[in-house]
Amino acid sequence: MSFVEILDNLALRKSELVERFEHLIAPKLDQELEAMAQASRSLTL
C-alpha cells in the first residue's frame, strides 16, 4: 500500500476525540480555566 492510498483513505471529518482534544488545548479565559480546575479537583478527590 502506498502513501497516496493511505492519504486518500483518511477521514475527511475530524473525530469526536480530536475535536475534544482541540477544545482542551485551545486558549482559555481565566474563568474557563477555573471551571476546568474545579471539575478536575472534584473528580480526583
N, C-alpha and C. Protein backbone atom coordinates (compact mmCIF):
# COMPACT_ATOMS: atom_id res chain seq x y z
N MET A 1 0.86 -1.17 0.00
CA MET A 1 0.00 0.00 0.00
C MET A 1 0.90 1.23 0.00
N SER A 2 0.59 2.17 -0.86
CA SER A 2 1.41 3.37 -0.97
C SER A 2 0.90 4.46 -0.04
N PHE A 3 1.74 5.45 0.17
CA PHE A 3 1.37 6.59 1.00
C PHE A 3 0.14 7.30 0.44
N VAL A 4 0.05 7.41 -0.88
CA VAL A 4 -1.08 8.09 -1.52
C VAL A 4 -2.38 7.36 -1.21
N GLU A 5 -2.36 6.04 -1.24
CA GLU A 5 -3.57 5.27 -0.92
C GLU A 5 -4.00 5.51 0.52
N ILE A 6 -3.04 5.55 1.42
CA ILE A 6 -3.36 5.81 2.83
C ILE A 6 -3.91 7.22 2.98
N LEU A 7 -3.25 8.19 2.37
CA LEU A 7 -3.69 9.59 2.47
C LEU A 7 -5.09 9.76 1.90
N ASP A 8 -5.37 9.13 0.80
CA ASP A 8 -6.70 9.23 0.18
C ASP A 8 -7.79 8.60 1.03
N ASN A 9 -7.44 7.68 1.91
CA ASN A 9 -8.44 6.99 2.72
C ASN A 9 -8.60 7.57 4.12
N LEU A 10 -7.90 8.64 4.43
CA LEU A 10 -8.05 9.26 5.74
C LEU A 10 -9.43 9.89 5.86
N ALA A 11 -9.92 9.97 7.07
CA ALA A 11 -11.24 10.57 7.30
C ALA A 11 -11.22 12.04 6.91
N LEU A 12 -12.29 12.47 6.28
CA LEU A 12 -12.40 13.87 5.89
C LEU A 12 -12.91 14.73 7.04
N ARG A 13 -13.54 14.11 8.00
CA ARG A 13 -14.07 14.83 9.16
C ARG A 13 -13.26 14.44 10.39
N LYS A 14 -13.00 15.41 11.26
CA LYS A 14 -12.25 15.11 12.48
C LYS A 14 -13.11 14.26 13.40
N SER A 15 -12.46 13.34 14.09
CA SER A 15 -13.18 12.50 15.03
C SER A 15 -13.58 13.33 16.25
N GLU A 16 -14.55 12.81 16.98
CA GLU A 16 -15.01 13.49 18.19
C GLU A 16 -13.85 13.63 19.19
N LEU A 17 -13.00 12.62 19.26
CA LEU A 17 -11.86 12.65 20.17
C LEU A 17 -10.90 13.78 19.81
N VAL A 18 -10.62 13.95 18.53
CA VAL A 18 -9.73 15.03 18.09
C VAL A 18 -10.36 16.38 18.38
N GLU A 19 -11.67 16.51 18.14
CA GLU A 19 -12.35 17.77 18.42
C GLU A 19 -12.30 18.10 19.91
N ARG A 20 -12.49 17.09 20.77
CA ARG A 20 -12.41 17.31 22.22
C ARG A 20 -11.00 17.74 22.62
N PHE A 21 -9.98 17.10 22.04
CA PHE A 21 -8.60 17.45 22.35
C PHE A 21 -8.30 18.89 21.91
N GLU A 22 -8.75 19.27 20.72
CA GLU A 22 -8.54 20.64 20.25
C GLU A 22 -9.18 21.64 21.20
N HIS A 23 -10.36 21.30 21.69
CA HIS A 23 -11.04 22.19 22.64
C HIS A 23 -10.24 22.31 23.94
N LEU A 24 -9.67 21.22 24.40
CA LEU A 24 -8.90 21.25 25.65
C LEU A 24 -7.63 22.09 25.53
N ILE A 25 -6.98 22.07 24.37
CA ILE A 25 -5.72 22.80 24.24
C ILE A 25 -5.88 24.20 23.67
N ALA A 26 -7.11 24.57 23.35
CA ALA A 26 -7.36 25.92 22.82
C ALA A 26 -7.16 26.95 23.94
N PRO A 27 -6.81 28.19 23.58
CA PRO A 27 -6.67 29.24 24.60
C PRO A 27 -7.96 29.39 25.41
N LYS A 28 -7.81 29.65 26.70
CA LYS A 28 -8.95 29.75 27.61
C LYS A 28 -8.91 31.06 28.39
N LEU A 29 -10.10 31.52 28.74
CA LEU A 29 -10.22 32.66 29.65
C LEU A 29 -9.96 32.16 31.07
N ASP A 30 -9.64 33.08 31.97
CA ASP A 30 -9.40 32.70 33.37
C ASP A 30 -10.58 31.94 33.96
N GLN A 31 -11.80 32.39 33.64
CA GLN A 31 -13.00 31.73 34.18
C GLN A 31 -13.11 30.30 33.67
N GLU A 32 -12.76 30.07 32.42
CA GLU A 32 -12.81 28.72 31.86
C GLU A 32 -11.77 27.81 32.52
N LEU A 33 -10.58 28.36 32.75
CA LEU A 33 -9.54 27.57 33.43
C LEU A 33 -9.96 27.23 34.85
N GLU A 34 -10.57 28.18 35.53
CA GLU A 34 -11.03 27.93 36.90
C GLU A 34 -12.10 26.84 36.91
N ALA A 35 -13.03 26.88 35.98
CA ALA A 35 -14.08 25.86 35.90
C ALA A 35 -13.46 24.48 35.63
N MET A 36 -12.47 24.42 34.75
CA MET A 36 -11.80 23.15 34.46
C MET A 36 -11.06 22.64 35.69
N ALA A 37 -10.41 23.55 36.42
CA ALA A 37 -9.67 23.16 37.62
C ALA A 37 -10.62 22.63 38.69
N GLN A 38 -11.75 23.28 38.86
CA GLN A 38 -12.72 22.82 39.86
C GLN A 38 -13.30 21.46 39.48
N ALA A 39 -13.61 21.28 38.21
CA ALA A 39 -14.14 19.99 37.76
C ALA A 39 -13.10 18.89 37.96
N SER A 40 -11.85 19.18 37.64
CA SER A 40 -10.78 18.21 37.82
C SER A 40 -10.61 17.85 39.29
N ARG A 41 -10.65 18.85 40.13
CA ARG A 41 -10.49 18.61 41.57
C ARG A 41 -11.62 17.73 42.10
N SER A 42 -12.85 18.02 41.68
CA SER A 42 -13.98 17.24 42.18
C SER A 42 -13.92 15.78 41.71
N LEU A 43 -13.31 15.56 40.55
CA LEU A 43 -13.20 14.19 40.04
C LEU A 43 -12.07 13.41 40.69
N THR A 44 -11.07 14.11 41.23
CA THR A 44 -9.89 13.42 41.75
C THR A 44 -9.85 13.34 43.27
N LEU A 45 -10.79 13.98 43.94
CA LEU A 45 -10.80 13.89 45.41
C LEU A 45 -11.84 12.93 45.91
